[in-house]
Amino acid sequence: MLSFVKSQGWEVYDFYVEEGVSAKNLKRPSMQRLIQDTIDKKFDVVVFYKLDRLVRSVSDLDSLLQLFDENKIAIRSVTEPFDTPTAIGRFLITLVAAIAQWERETISERVVINMVKKATMGERNGGRAPYGYRLKEGKLIIYDEEARFVKDIFNLYTSGKGIRSIVLY
């Protein structure tokens, strides 16, 4: 990416990096900083590797494009040829964003389907062991020191106690 920026004769103002954070919305710390710096006109061009690393929602793309237009800021993808001042360029970038959004939503649907399937088969979906259990070789093992409290909570609940009275018990 730096080679691309240098090849255009531009200087880097800042990096807006969010490792391991999905581009599913604009509620990301670095994205919010990018938006504020756009409003403050701290740069002329936003350079990104690929559009789906910037946004994965057509409405978010539209919001960003409007913001960039209002502040006379160009956008450039290192790997994709977008010419946003033209009608066809706007159409193509919106199409790519729609595909990225579809891809994100499809992956999300598949994950949910597979998690439900695993749960109905009695398998774990990962994550930390719940209170009262420990993980051993990928299996949940009852941890007696905590499990006795879990049993008490269930007994109190099934005998008609509410959350508040259980907590105060």
Protein backbone atom coordinates (compact mmCIF):
# COMPACT_ATOMS: atom_id res chain seq x y z
CA MET A 1 0.00 0.00 0.00
CA LEU A 2 2.83 2.41 0.81
CA SER A 3 4.36 1.74 -2.60
CA PHE A 4 1.06 2.71 -4.23
CA VAL A 5 0.83 5.93 -2.21
CA LYS A 6 4.43 6.85 -3.06
CA SER A 7 3.87 6.02 -6.75
CA GLN A 8 1.10 8.64 -6.79
CA GLY A 9 3.37 11.24 -5.23
CA TRP A 10 1.25 11.45 -2.08
CA GLU A 11 2.31 11.69 1.55
CA VAL A 12 0.78 9.56 4.28
CA TYR A 13 -1.18 11.58 6.83
CA ASP A 14 -2.14 8.66 9.08
CA PHE A 15 -3.10 5.00 9.16
CA TYR A 16 -6.61 3.92 10.16
CA VAL A 17 -6.16 0.25 10.99
CA GLU A 18 -8.53 -2.05 12.81
CA GLU A 19 -6.99 -5.49 13.15
CA GLY A 20 -9.56 -8.24 13.51
CA VAL A 21 -12.57 -5.89 13.43
CA SER A 22 -15.28 -6.46 10.83
CA ALA A 23 -16.15 -3.67 8.42
CA LYS A 24 -19.85 -4.47 8.89
CA ASN A 25 -20.61 -0.97 10.18
CA LEU A 26 -19.03 2.43 10.80
CA LYS A 27 -19.01 2.05 14.60
CA ARG A 28 -15.30 1.31 14.78
CA PRO A 29 -12.75 3.48 16.57
CA SER A 30 -10.45 4.03 13.60
CA MET A 31 -13.41 4.59 11.25
CA GLN A 32 -14.78 7.23 13.60
CA ARG A 33 -11.35 8.89 13.64
CA LEU A 34 -11.26 8.75 9.81
CA ILE A 35 -14.70 10.37 9.65
CA GLN A 36 -13.66 13.14 12.05
CA ASP A 37 -10.40 13.75 10.17
CA THR A 38 -12.43 13.91 6.94
CA ILE A 39 -14.66 16.58 8.44
CA ASP A 40 -11.54 18.41 9.66
CA LYS A 41 -10.10 18.14 6.10
CA LYS A 42 -6.80 16.68 7.29
CA PHE A 43 -6.11 14.92 3.95
CA ASP A 44 -7.10 14.93 0.26
CA VAL A 45 -7.35 11.22 -0.51
CA VAL A 46 -8.43 8.08 1.36
CA VAL A 47 -6.46 5.05 0.17
CA PHE A 48 -7.59 1.53 1.01
CA TYR A 49 -6.46 -1.90 -0.11
CA LYS A 50 -9.88 -3.23 -1.05
CA LEU A 51 -13.38 -1.77 -0.66
CA ASP A 52 -14.65 -4.59 1.56
CA ARG A 53 -11.89 -3.73 4.05
CA LEU A 54 -13.37 -0.23 4.30
CA VAL A 55 -17.12 -0.99 4.30
CA ARG A 56 -19.40 -3.99 3.86
CA SER A 57 -22.68 -2.14 3.66
CA VAL A 58 -24.15 -0.22 0.74
CA SER A 59 -25.71 2.36 3.05
CA ASP A 60 -22.39 2.89 4.87
CA LEU A 61 -20.62 3.30 1.54
CA ASP A 62 -23.21 5.84 0.45
CA SER A 63 -22.74 7.78 3.70
CA LEU A 64 -18.96 7.78 3.32
CA LEU A 65 -19.09 8.78 -0.36
CA GLN A 66 -21.37 11.70 0.50
CA LEU A 67 -19.05 12.74 3.33
CA PHE A 68 -15.98 12.50 1.09
CA ASP A 69 -17.75 14.45 -1.70
CA GLU A 70 -18.85 17.20 0.71
CA ASN A 71 -15.26 17.57 1.88
CA LYS A 72 -13.69 17.22 -1.59
CA ILE A 73 -11.79 14.07 -0.63
CA ALA A 74 -11.00 11.47 -3.27
CA ILE A 75 -10.90 7.74 -2.65
CA ARG A 76 -8.54 5.21 -4.20
CA SER A 77 -8.41 1.46 -3.93
CA VAL A 78 -5.01 -0.15 -4.35
CA THR A 79 -6.55 -3.23 -6.02
CA GLU A 80 -9.77 -1.96 -7.66
CA PRO A 81 -10.20 0.67 -10.39
CA PHE A 82 -12.95 2.99 -9.16
CA ASP A 83 -13.68 6.29 -10.87
CA THR A 84 -16.30 7.72 -8.51
CA PRO A 85 -16.84 11.08 -10.26
CA THR A 86 -18.54 9.24 -13.16
CA ALA A 87 -21.99 7.58 -13.13
CA ILE A 88 -20.55 4.19 -14.12
CA GLY A 89 -17.83 4.51 -11.48
CA ARG A 90 -20.43 5.19 -8.77
CA PHE A 91 -22.51 2.27 -10.02
CA LEU A 92 -19.53 -0.10 -9.96
CA ILE A 93 -18.37 0.87 -6.47
CA THR A 94 -21.94 0.49 -5.18
CA LEU A 95 -22.17 -2.91 -6.87
CA VAL A 96 -18.93 -4.06 -5.22
CA ALA A 97 -20.24 -2.84 -1.84
CA ALA A 98 -23.51 -4.71 -2.41
CA ILE A 99 -21.57 -7.90 -3.15
CA ALA A 100 -19.47 -7.42 0.00
CA GLN A 101 -22.63 -6.89 2.06
CA TRP A 102 -24.24 -9.99 0.54
CA GLU A 103 -21.10 -12.01 1.26
CA ARG A 104 -21.02 -10.86 4.92
CA GLU A 105 -24.71 -11.63 5.42
CA THR A 106 -24.41 -15.05 3.74
CA ILE A 107 -21.47 -16.01 5.96
CA SER A 108 -23.42 -14.86 9.02
CA GLU A 109 -26.44 -16.97 8.01
CA ARG A 110 -24.26 -20.04 7.48
CA VAL A 111 -22.59 -19.61 10.85
CA VAL A 112 -25.96 -19.41 12.62
CA ILE A 113 -27.26 -22.49 10.78
CA ASN A 114 -24.15 -24.47 11.70
CA MET A 115 -24.25 -23.33 15.33
CA VAL A 116 -27.89 -24.42 15.66
CA LYS A 117 -27.05 -27.75 14.02
CA LYS A 118 -24.15 -28.35 16.43
CA ALA A 119 -26.31 -27.42 19.41
CA THR A 120 -29.09 -29.83 18.39
CA MET A 121 -26.49 -32.56 18.04
CA GLY A 122 -25.33 -31.80 21.60
CA GLU A 123 -22.00 -30.35 20.48
CA ARG A 124 -20.36 -27.19 21.74
CA ASN A 125 -20.08 -24.07 19.63
CA GLY A 126 -16.86 -22.97 21.22
CA GLY A 127 -16.13 -20.13 23.58
CA ARG A 128 -15.32 -20.26 27.26
CA ALA A 129 -16.69 -22.96 29.49
CA PRO A 130 -19.82 -21.87 31.35
CA TYR A 131 -19.73 -21.38 35.11
CA GLY A 132 -19.71 -24.78 36.79
CA TYR A 133 -17.67 -26.44 34.06
CA ARG A 134 -14.09 -26.64 32.82
CA LEU A 135 -12.82 -27.56 29.40
CA LYS A 136 -10.66 -30.66 29.14
CA GLU A 137 -9.53 -31.77 25.69
CA GLY A 138 -12.41 -29.88 24.12
CA LYS A 139 -15.06 -31.44 26.37
CA LEU A 140 -17.04 -29.86 29.20
CA ILE A 141 -16.28 -31.41 32.57
CA ILE A 142 -18.33 -30.58 35.67
CA TYR A 143 -16.34 -28.50 38.15
CA ASP A 144 -17.84 -29.47 41.51
CA GLU A 145 -16.73 -26.35 43.44
CA GLU A 146 -18.89 -24.16 41.16
CA ALA A 147 -21.49 -26.73 40.06
CA ARG A 148 -23.03 -26.88 43.53
CA PHE A 149 -23.96 -23.19 43.23
CA VAL A 150 -25.46 -23.77 39.78
CA LYS A 151 -27.59 -26.63 41.20
CA ASP A 152 -28.75 -24.39 44.06
CA ILE A 153 -29.73 -21.65 41.62
CA PHE A 154 -31.75 -24.09 39.48
CA ASN A 155 -33.46 -25.58 42.56
CA LEU A 156 -34.41 -22.14 43.83
CA TYR A 157 -35.71 -21.11 40.41
CA THR A 158 -37.80 -24.26 39.91
CA SER A 159 -39.26 -23.83 43.41
CA GLY A 160 -40.69 -20.47 42.29
CA LYS A 161 -38.02 -18.00 43.38
CA GLY A 162 -37.35 -15.02 41.11
CA ILE A 163 -34.00 -13.63 40.03
CA ARG A 164 -33.90 -11.01 42.76
CA SER A 165 -34.61 -13.44 45.60
CA ILE A 166 -32.09 -15.92 44.17
CA VAL A 167 -29.39 -13.25 44.02
CA LEU A 168 -30.15 -12.16 47.59
CA TYR A 169 -30.30 -15.78 48.84
